[in-house]
Every structure is written in structure tokens, then in C-alpha cells.
Amino acid sequence: MSRQGSTRRASTEIGASLYELATGAVRRLPRDMSLTSAATLATLESTGPRRITDLALIAGVTQPAMTVLVRVMEESGLVERTGDAADKRVTLVRLTEAGASYVQGRRQAGVHEFVRLVDELTDDEVKALAAALPALQHLAALDRQDREGPQQ
């Protein structure tokens, strides 16, 4: 088998395993809000205040749907609307302290679940994962760039 063929097969197997882990992680998340709402809060945490149009584009929903979602999160105290100092016509959505706390708690719960699973691996398997950390971190950074879209 050629190097390209074996690399492609490995990429496919890695992709399948990561997809299975990701879908399992999503299934374990608390069902206290929609995935779109949770993802929007995470986007605001990582990118800072954004326009509703940007958030809709990133989430893959319509602007009216994002407006409704933001209104619900605003009523829950998770986000607030603020003016844009650079353009007084623009309203930005920003995470509140309660919203940041929610995102952090959700992230910690997810990390805890993976730690629990990693603790069930053998020492050699943990060492193999540790050796792969730079590649996994780079993969996560590439994914973040894709999801977050253009910065303001």
C-alpha cells in the first residue's frame, strides 16, 4: 500500500473515532438549552461581542431565528446587547458574567467526562494520547477557526 493510501486510511479511522467521541460527548451534555444556544454562548466567550448577523452565520441559522434565540438568552441573563463604539448604528451581543459561568461549567463537565474515560485506559494508551496532544490541539484550533468565522 502506498504511503498516501495508508495515510488516507489512518485519517479516515481517526476521523471516525473523533466523530464517535464528539457525538457521544454531545449526547452526555445537559439538556437545559439547545445546542445552538450553547454553541452561541461558547462563540461569544471565545470571540467576544458579535453582531447578531455574525452569530446567525456562524450558527447556520437565519437572522430572525438568532434574534429570537438572543432574546431568550438575554431574558435568562446569559447575554446582553451593547452598542458598538466604532459604529453607533450597530448593536453587539456580549456574554454576561452568568453566561461566562454557564459556558465554563458546561466545559468543565465535558472535560470531567473525558477524564473519567481516559482514566479507564492503560498507561500505554494514555502515553499514546499524550504524544498525540500537539496534533489534537492543532486539530481543535483548526476546528475553532472554521466554526467561529470572520472576526470583527
N, C-alpha and C. Protein backbone atom coordinates (compact mmCIF):
# COMPACT_ATOMS: atom_id res chain seq x y z
N MET A 1 0.84 -1.18 0.00
CA MET A 1 0.00 0.00 0.00
C MET A 1 0.89 1.24 0.00
N SER A 2 0.52 2.23 -0.78
CA SER A 2 1.32 3.45 -0.86
C SER A 2 1.19 4.26 0.42
N ARG A 3 2.17 5.13 0.64
CA ARG A 3 2.12 5.99 1.83
C ARG A 3 0.86 6.83 1.82
N GLN A 4 0.50 7.34 0.67
CA GLN A 4 -0.69 8.17 0.57
C GLN A 4 -1.93 7.35 0.93
N GLY A 5 -2.01 6.13 0.48
CA GLY A 5 -3.16 5.28 0.78
C GLY A 5 -3.25 4.94 2.26
N SER A 6 -2.10 4.62 2.87
CA SER A 6 -2.13 4.29 4.30
C SER A 6 -2.43 5.52 5.15
N THR A 7 -1.93 6.67 4.73
CA THR A 7 -2.23 7.92 5.45
C THR A 7 -3.71 8.24 5.33
N ARG A 8 -4.26 8.04 4.15
CA ARG A 8 -5.69 8.31 3.95
C ARG A 8 -6.55 7.38 4.82
N ARG A 9 -6.16 6.11 4.88
CA ARG A 9 -6.91 5.16 5.70
C ARG A 9 -6.82 5.56 7.18
N ALA A 10 -5.63 5.94 7.62
CA ALA A 10 -5.45 6.38 9.02
C ALA A 10 -6.30 7.62 9.29
N SER A 11 -6.31 8.57 8.35
CA SER A 11 -7.12 9.78 8.51
C SER A 11 -8.59 9.43 8.66
N THR A 12 -9.04 8.49 7.86
CA THR A 12 -10.45 8.07 7.92
C THR A 12 -10.76 7.41 9.26
N GLU A 13 -9.87 6.55 9.73
CA GLU A 13 -10.10 5.88 11.02
C GLU A 13 -10.04 6.88 12.18
N ILE A 14 -9.12 7.82 12.12
CA ILE A 14 -9.03 8.85 13.15
C ILE A 14 -10.29 9.71 13.13
N GLY A 15 -10.70 10.11 11.93
CA GLY A 15 -11.92 10.91 11.80
C GLY A 15 -13.14 10.19 12.36
N ALA A 16 -13.26 8.91 12.08
CA ALA A 16 -14.40 8.14 12.58
C ALA A 16 -14.38 8.06 14.11
N SER A 17 -13.20 7.84 14.68
CA SER A 17 -13.10 7.77 16.14
C SER A 17 -13.41 9.11 16.80
N LEU A 18 -12.87 10.19 16.23
CA LEU A 18 -13.13 11.52 16.79
C LEU A 18 -14.61 11.87 16.66
N TYR A 19 -15.23 11.50 15.54
CA TYR A 19 -16.65 11.76 15.36
C TYR A 19 -17.47 11.00 16.40
N GLU A 20 -17.13 9.76 16.63
CA GLU A 20 -17.84 8.97 17.64
C GLU A 20 -17.69 9.59 19.03
N LEU A 21 -16.48 10.05 19.36
CA LEU A 21 -16.26 10.71 20.65
C LEU A 21 -17.07 12.00 20.76
N ALA A 22 -17.08 12.78 19.68
CA ALA A 22 -17.80 14.06 19.70
C ALA A 22 -19.31 13.85 19.84
N THR A 23 -19.85 12.91 19.10
CA THR A 23 -21.30 12.68 19.20
C THR A 23 -21.65 12.12 20.58
N GLY A 24 -20.78 11.29 21.13
CA GLY A 24 -21.02 10.79 22.49
C GLY A 24 -20.98 11.91 23.50
N ALA A 25 -20.06 12.85 23.32
CA ALA A 25 -19.97 14.00 24.23
C ALA A 25 -21.23 14.85 24.15
N VAL A 26 -21.73 15.07 22.95
CA VAL A 26 -22.94 15.86 22.79
C VAL A 26 -24.13 15.18 23.47
N ARG A 27 -24.20 13.87 23.36
CA ARG A 27 -25.31 13.14 23.99
C ARG A 27 -25.26 13.24 25.52
N ARG A 28 -24.07 13.41 26.08
CA ARG A 28 -23.93 13.49 27.54
C ARG A 28 -24.19 14.88 28.09
N LEU A 29 -24.26 15.88 27.22
CA LEU A 29 -24.46 17.26 27.68
C LEU A 29 -25.81 17.43 28.37
N PRO A 30 -25.88 18.33 29.33
CA PRO A 30 -27.17 18.64 29.95
C PRO A 30 -28.14 19.15 28.88
N ARG A 31 -29.39 18.85 29.03
CA ARG A 31 -30.42 19.24 28.05
C ARG A 31 -31.15 20.50 28.51
N ASP A 32 -30.45 21.39 29.20
CA ASP A 32 -31.09 22.58 29.73
C ASP A 32 -31.22 23.71 28.71
N MET A 33 -30.57 23.56 27.56
CA MET A 33 -30.72 24.53 26.48
C MET A 33 -30.36 23.86 25.16
N SER A 34 -30.74 24.49 24.07
CA SER A 34 -30.47 23.92 22.75
C SER A 34 -28.97 23.95 22.45
N LEU A 35 -28.56 23.08 21.56
CA LEU A 35 -27.15 23.07 21.15
C LEU A 35 -26.77 24.38 20.48
N THR A 36 -27.71 24.98 19.73
CA THR A 36 -27.42 26.26 19.07
C THR A 36 -27.19 27.35 20.11
N SER A 37 -27.99 27.37 21.15
CA SER A 37 -27.80 28.36 22.22
C SER A 37 -26.46 28.16 22.91
N ALA A 38 -26.15 26.92 23.26
CA ALA A 38 -24.88 26.62 23.93
C ALA A 38 -23.69 26.97 23.04
N ALA A 39 -23.79 26.66 21.76
CA ALA A 39 -22.71 26.97 20.82
C ALA A 39 -22.55 28.48 20.66
N THR A 40 -23.66 29.20 20.66
CA THR A 40 -23.59 30.66 20.54
C THR A 40 -22.91 31.27 21.76
N LEU A 41 -23.24 30.77 22.94
CA LEU A 41 -22.58 31.25 24.15
C LEU A 41 -21.07 30.97 24.09
N ALA A 42 -20.71 29.77 23.64
CA ALA A 42 -19.29 29.42 23.52
C ALA A 42 -18.58 30.31 22.51
N THR A 43 -19.26 30.63 21.42
CA THR A 43 -18.68 31.54 20.41
C THR A 43 -18.43 32.91 21.03
N LEU A 44 -19.40 33.43 21.75
CA LEU A 44 -19.23 34.73 22.39
C LEU A 44 -18.10 34.72 23.41
N GLU A 45 -17.96 33.60 24.11
CA GLU A 45 -16.88 33.50 25.09
C GLU A 45 -15.52 33.55 24.40
N SER A 46 -15.40 32.86 23.28
CA SER A 46 -14.09 32.77 22.63
C SER A 46 -13.78 33.95 21.72
N THR A 47 -14.80 34.61 21.16
CA THR A 47 -14.53 35.69 20.20
C THR A 47 -14.87 37.08 20.72
N GLY A 48 -15.62 37.14 21.81
CA GLY A 48 -16.06 38.44 22.30
C GLY A 48 -17.36 38.85 21.64
N PRO A 49 -17.81 40.09 21.92
CA PRO A 49 -19.09 40.55 21.40
C PRO A 49 -19.18 40.44 19.88
N ARG A 50 -20.36 40.07 19.40
CA ARG A 50 -20.59 39.90 17.95
C ARG A 50 -21.94 40.47 17.57
N ARG A 51 -22.08 40.80 16.30
CA ARG A 51 -23.37 41.20 15.75
C ARG A 51 -24.26 39.97 15.63
N ILE A 52 -25.55 40.18 15.70
CA ILE A 52 -26.49 39.07 15.53
C ILE A 52 -26.30 38.43 14.15
N THR A 53 -26.03 39.22 13.14
CA THR A 53 -25.84 38.64 11.80
C THR A 53 -24.64 37.70 11.78
N ASP A 54 -23.57 38.07 12.47
CA ASP A 54 -22.39 37.19 12.55
C ASP A 54 -22.74 35.90 13.28
N LEU A 55 -23.43 36.04 14.40
CA LEU A 55 -23.80 34.85 15.18
C LEU A 55 -24.70 33.92 14.38
N ALA A 56 -25.63 34.48 13.62
CA ALA A 56 -26.51 33.66 12.79
C ALA A 56 -25.71 32.91 11.74
N LEU A 57 -24.77 33.59 11.11
CA LEU A 57 -23.94 32.95 10.08
C LEU A 57 -23.11 31.81 10.68
N ILE A 58 -22.50 32.06 11.82
CA ILE A 58 -21.68 31.04 12.49
C ILE A 58 -22.52 29.83 12.89
N ALA A 59 -23.72 30.09 13.42
CA ALA A 59 -24.59 29.01 13.89
C ALA A 59 -25.34 28.31 12.76
N GLY A 60 -25.36 28.93 11.58
CA GLY A 60 -26.07 28.33 10.46
C GLY A 60 -27.58 28.45 10.58
N VAL A 61 -28.04 29.57 11.17
CA VAL A 61 -29.47 29.82 11.29
C VAL A 61 -29.78 31.17 10.67
N THR A 62 -31.06 31.48 10.51
CA THR A 62 -31.46 32.76 9.96
C THR A 62 -31.26 33.87 10.99
N GLN A 63 -31.17 35.09 10.50
CA GLN A 63 -31.04 36.22 11.42
C GLN A 63 -32.27 36.33 12.33
N PRO A 64 -33.51 36.17 11.83
CA PRO A 64 -34.65 36.23 12.75
C PRO A 64 -34.60 35.14 13.83
N ALA A 65 -34.14 33.94 13.45
CA ALA A 65 -34.04 32.86 14.45
C ALA A 65 -33.00 33.21 15.50
N MET A 66 -31.87 33.79 15.09
CA MET A 66 -30.84 34.18 16.06
C MET A 66 -31.34 35.33 16.93
N THR A 67 -32.13 36.23 16.37
CA THR A 67 -32.68 37.33 17.16
C THR A 67 -33.56 36.79 18.29
N VAL A 68 -34.39 35.80 17.97
CA VAL A 68 -35.24 35.18 18.99
C VAL A 68 -34.38 34.47 20.03
N LEU A 69 -33.38 33.72 19.57
CA LEU A 69 -32.50 32.99 20.48
C LEU A 69 -31.78 33.96 21.42
N VAL A 70 -31.28 35.07 20.87
CA VAL A 70 -30.59 36.07 21.70
C VAL A 70 -31.57 36.67 22.71
N ARG A 71 -32.81 36.94 22.29
CA ARG A 71 -33.79 37.50 23.21
C ARG A 71 -34.04 36.56 24.39
N VAL A 72 -34.16 35.27 24.12
CA VAL A 72 -34.38 34.29 25.19
C VAL A 72 -33.16 34.24 26.12
N MET A 73 -31.95 34.23 25.55
CA MET A 73 -30.75 34.19 26.38
C MET A 73 -30.58 35.49 27.16
N GLU A 74 -31.02 36.60 26.57
CA GLU A 74 -30.97 37.89 27.26
C GLU A 74 -31.93 37.88 28.46
N GLU A 75 -33.13 37.36 28.25
CA GLU A 75 -34.11 37.26 29.34
C GLU A 75 -33.62 36.34 30.46
N SER A 76 -32.78 35.37 30.11
CA SER A 76 -32.20 34.45 31.09
C SER A 76 -30.97 35.03 31.77
N GLY A 77 -30.52 36.20 31.32
CA GLY A 77 -29.37 36.85 31.93
C GLY A 77 -28.02 36.33 31.46
N LEU A 78 -28.02 35.57 30.35
CA LEU A 78 -26.77 34.98 29.86
C LEU A 78 -26.03 35.89 28.89
N VAL A 79 -26.75 36.76 28.19
CA VAL A 79 -26.14 37.71 27.26
C VAL A 79 -26.80 39.07 27.46
N GLU A 80 -26.14 40.09 26.92
CA GLU A 80 -26.73 41.42 26.90
C GLU A 80 -26.35 42.10 25.59
N ARG A 81 -27.16 43.04 25.19
CA ARG A 81 -26.88 43.81 23.98
C ARG A 81 -26.20 45.11 24.38
N THR A 82 -25.17 45.45 23.62
CA THR A 82 -24.43 46.69 23.88
C THR A 82 -24.21 47.40 22.56
N GLY A 83 -23.90 48.68 22.65
CA GLY A 83 -23.57 49.44 21.45
C GLY A 83 -22.15 49.17 21.01
N ASP A 84 -21.90 49.44 19.75
CA ASP A 84 -20.56 49.30 19.18
C ASP A 84 -19.94 50.69 19.15
N ALA A 85 -18.83 50.87 19.86
CA ALA A 85 -18.18 52.17 19.92
C ALA A 85 -17.73 52.65 18.54
N ALA A 86 -17.39 51.71 17.66
CA ALA A 86 -16.91 52.06 16.33
C ALA A 86 -18.04 52.49 15.39
N ASP A 87 -19.25 51.98 15.63
CA ASP A 87 -20.38 52.28 14.76
C ASP A 87 -21.64 52.33 15.63
N LYS A 88 -22.11 53.51 15.92
CA LYS A 88 -23.24 53.71 16.83
C LYS A 88 -24.53 53.07 16.32
N ARG A 89 -24.60 52.72 15.03
CA ARG A 89 -25.81 52.08 14.48
C ARG A 89 -25.86 50.59 14.80
N VAL A 90 -24.74 50.03 15.23
CA VAL A 90 -24.62 48.58 15.42
C VAL A 90 -24.85 48.19 16.87
N THR A 91 -25.57 47.10 17.05
CA THR A 91 -25.76 46.51 18.37
C THR A 91 -24.98 45.21 18.41
N LEU A 92 -24.23 45.02 19.47
CA LEU A 92 -23.47 43.79 19.67
C LEU A 92 -24.08 42.97 20.79
N VAL A 93 -23.91 41.67 20.70
CA VAL A 93 -24.34 40.76 21.76
C VAL A 93 -23.09 40.35 22.51
N ARG A 94 -23.15 40.46 23.82
CA ARG A 94 -21.99 40.06 24.60
C ARG A 94 -22.42 39.16 25.74
N LEU A 95 -21.50 38.31 26.15
CA LEU A 95 -21.73 37.37 27.24
C LEU A 95 -21.73 38.12 28.57
N THR A 96 -22.67 37.79 29.44
CA THR A 96 -22.68 38.35 30.79
C THR A 96 -21.81 37.45 31.69
N GLU A 97 -21.63 37.87 32.90
CA GLU A 97 -20.88 37.05 33.86
C GLU A 97 -21.57 35.70 34.06
N ALA A 98 -22.90 35.72 34.14
CA ALA A 98 -23.66 34.47 34.29
C ALA A 98 -23.49 33.57 33.06
N GLY A 99 -23.45 34.18 31.88
CA GLY A 99 -23.24 33.41 30.65
C GLY A 99 -21.86 32.79 30.62
N ALA A 100 -20.85 33.54 31.01
CA ALA A 100 -19.49 33.02 31.05
C ALA A 100 -19.38 31.88 32.05
N SER A 101 -20.03 32.04 33.18
CA SER A 101 -20.03 30.99 34.20
C SER A 101 -20.71 29.72 33.67
N TYR A 102 -21.80 29.90 32.94
CA TYR A 102 -22.51 28.75 32.36
C TYR A 102 -21.60 28.01 31.38
N VAL A 103 -20.94 28.74 30.49
CA VAL A 103 -20.06 28.12 29.49
C VAL A 103 -18.93 27.37 30.19
N GLN A 104 -18.33 28.00 31.18
CA GLN A 104 -17.23 27.37 31.90
C GLN A 104 -17.68 26.10 32.61
N GLY A 105 -18.84 26.14 33.24
CA GLY A 105 -19.36 24.96 33.93
C GLY A 105 -19.66 23.82 32.97
N ARG A 106 -20.23 24.15 31.83
CA ARG A 106 -20.53 23.14 30.82
C ARG A 106 -19.25 22.52 30.28
N ARG A 107 -18.24 23.37 30.04
CA ARG A 107 -16.96 22.87 29.54
C ARG A 107 -16.30 21.94 30.57
N GLN A 108 -16.32 22.36 31.84
CA GLN A 108 -15.72 21.54 32.89
C GLN A 108 -16.42 20.19 33.02
N ALA A 109 -17.74 20.18 32.88
CA ALA A 109 -18.48 18.92 32.94
C ALA A 109 -18.06 18.00 31.79
N GLY A 110 -17.87 18.56 30.61
CA GLY A 110 -17.42 17.77 29.46
C GLY A 110 -16.01 17.24 29.66
N VAL A 111 -15.12 18.08 30.17
CA VAL A 111 -13.74 17.65 30.44
C VAL A 111 -13.76 16.51 31.46
N HIS A 112 -14.56 16.66 32.49
CA HIS A 112 -14.64 15.64 33.54
C HIS A 112 -15.06 14.29 32.95
N GLU A 113 -16.01 14.30 32.02
CA GLU A 113 -16.46 13.05 31.40
C GLU A 113 -15.33 12.39 30.62
N PHE A 114 -14.54 13.18 29.89
CA PHE A 114 -13.42 12.59 29.15
C PHE A 114 -12.32 12.12 30.08
N VAL A 115 -12.08 12.85 31.16
CA VAL A 115 -11.08 12.41 32.15
C VAL A 115 -11.49 11.06 32.71
N ARG A 116 -12.76 10.91 33.00
CA ARG A 116 -13.28 9.64 33.52
C ARG A 116 -12.99 8.51 32.53
N LEU A 117 -13.20 8.76 31.25
CA LEU A 117 -12.93 7.73 30.23
C LEU A 117 -11.43 7.46 30.08
N VAL A 118 -10.63 8.52 30.06
CA VAL A 118 -9.17 8.35 29.92
C VAL A 118 -8.62 7.56 31.10
N ASP A 119 -9.18 7.77 32.27
CA ASP A 119 -8.74 7.03 33.45
C ASP A 119 -8.96 5.52 33.32
N GLU A 120 -9.79 5.11 32.39
CA GLU A 120 -10.04 3.68 32.17
C GLU A 120 -9.05 3.06 31.17
N LEU A 121 -8.20 3.87 30.56
CA LEU A 121 -7.22 3.37 29.60
C LEU A 121 -5.98 2.82 30.32
N THR A 122 -5.22 2.04 29.57
CA THR A 122 -3.96 1.55 30.11
C THR A 122 -2.94 2.68 30.12
N ASP A 123 -1.85 2.50 30.86
CA ASP A 123 -0.79 3.52 30.89
C ASP A 123 -0.24 3.77 29.49
N ASP A 124 -0.03 2.71 28.71
CA ASP A 124 0.49 2.87 27.35
C ASP A 124 -0.48 3.66 26.46
N GLU A 125 -1.78 3.43 26.63
CA GLU A 125 -2.77 4.17 25.85
C GLU A 125 -2.77 5.65 26.24
N VAL A 126 -2.62 5.93 27.53
CA VAL A 126 -2.56 7.32 27.99
C VAL A 126 -1.31 7.99 27.43
N LYS A 127 -0.18 7.28 27.43
CA LYS A 127 1.06 7.84 26.85
C LYS A 127 0.89 8.11 25.37
N ALA A 128 0.20 7.23 24.65
CA ALA A 128 -0.03 7.43 23.22
C ALA A 128 -0.88 8.69 22.99
N LEU A 129 -1.91 8.86 23.81
CA LEU A 129 -2.74 10.07 23.69
C LEU A 129 -1.93 11.32 24.04
N ALA A 130 -1.10 11.23 25.05
CA ALA A 130 -0.27 12.38 25.44
C ALA A 130 0.67 12.75 24.30
N ALA A 131 1.22 11.75 23.63
CA ALA A 131 2.12 12.02 22.50
C ALA A 131 1.37 12.68 21.34
N ALA A 132 0.08 12.41 21.24
CA ALA A 132 -0.74 12.97 20.16
C ALA A 132 -1.31 14.35 20.50
N LEU A 133 -1.10 14.83 21.73
CA LEU A 133 -1.69 16.11 22.15
C LEU A 133 -1.39 17.28 21.21
N PRO A 134 -0.15 17.48 20.75
CA PRO A 134 0.08 18.62 19.84
C PRO A 134 -0.79 18.54 18.59
N ALA A 135 -0.92 17.36 18.01
CA ALA A 135 -1.76 17.22 16.82
C ALA A 135 -3.23 17.44 17.15
N LEU A 136 -3.69 16.93 18.30
CA LEU A 136 -5.08 17.13 18.70
C LEU A 136 -5.37 18.60 18.98
N GLN A 137 -4.43 19.29 19.61
CA GLN A 137 -4.61 20.72 19.90
C GLN A 137 -4.64 21.53 18.60
N HIS A 138 -3.80 21.16 17.64
CA HIS A 138 -3.81 21.84 16.34
C HIS A 138 -5.14 21.58 15.63
N LEU A 139 -5.61 20.35 15.69
CA LEU A 139 -6.90 19.99 15.10
C LEU A 139 -8.03 20.82 15.73
N ALA A 140 -8.00 20.97 17.05
CA ALA A 140 -9.01 21.77 17.75
C ALA A 140 -8.95 23.24 17.31
N ALA A 141 -7.74 23.77 17.13
CA ALA A 141 -7.58 25.15 16.68
C ALA A 141 -8.13 25.34 15.27
N LEU A 142 -7.87 24.38 14.39
CA LEU A 142 -8.42 24.46 13.03
C LEU A 142 -9.94 24.42 13.06
N ASP A 143 -10.50 23.58 13.91
CA ASP A 143 -11.95 23.48 14.04
C ASP A 143 -12.54 24.79 14.55
N ARG A 144 -11.90 25.39 15.55
CA ARG A 144 -12.37 26.67 16.09
C ARG A 144 -12.40 27.73 15.00
N GLN A 145 -11.35 27.79 14.19
CA GLN A 145 -11.29 28.77 13.10
C GLN A 145 -12.45 28.57 12.14
N ASP A 146 -12.74 27.33 11.80
CA ASP A 146 -13.85 27.04 10.89
C ASP A 146 -15.19 27.46 11.48
N ARG A 147 -15.39 27.16 12.77
CA ARG A 147 -16.68 27.43 13.41
C ARG A 147 -16.91 28.90 13.68
N GLU A 148 -15.87 29.61 14.05
CA GLU A 148 -16.04 30.99 14.50
C GLU A 148 -16.13 31.99 13.37
N GLY A 149 -15.69 31.61 12.20
CA GLY A 149 -15.82 32.50 11.07
C GLY A 149 -14.99 33.76 11.22
N PRO A 150 -15.34 34.77 10.43
CA PRO A 150 -14.55 36.01 10.45
C PRO A 150 -14.69 36.77 11.75
N GLN A 151 -13.60 37.32 12.20
CA GLN A 151 -13.59 38.15 13.40
C GLN A 151 -14.04 39.55 13.02
N GLN A 152 -14.48 40.29 14.04
CA GLN A 152 -14.90 41.68 13.78
C GLN A 152 -13.72 42.55 13.46
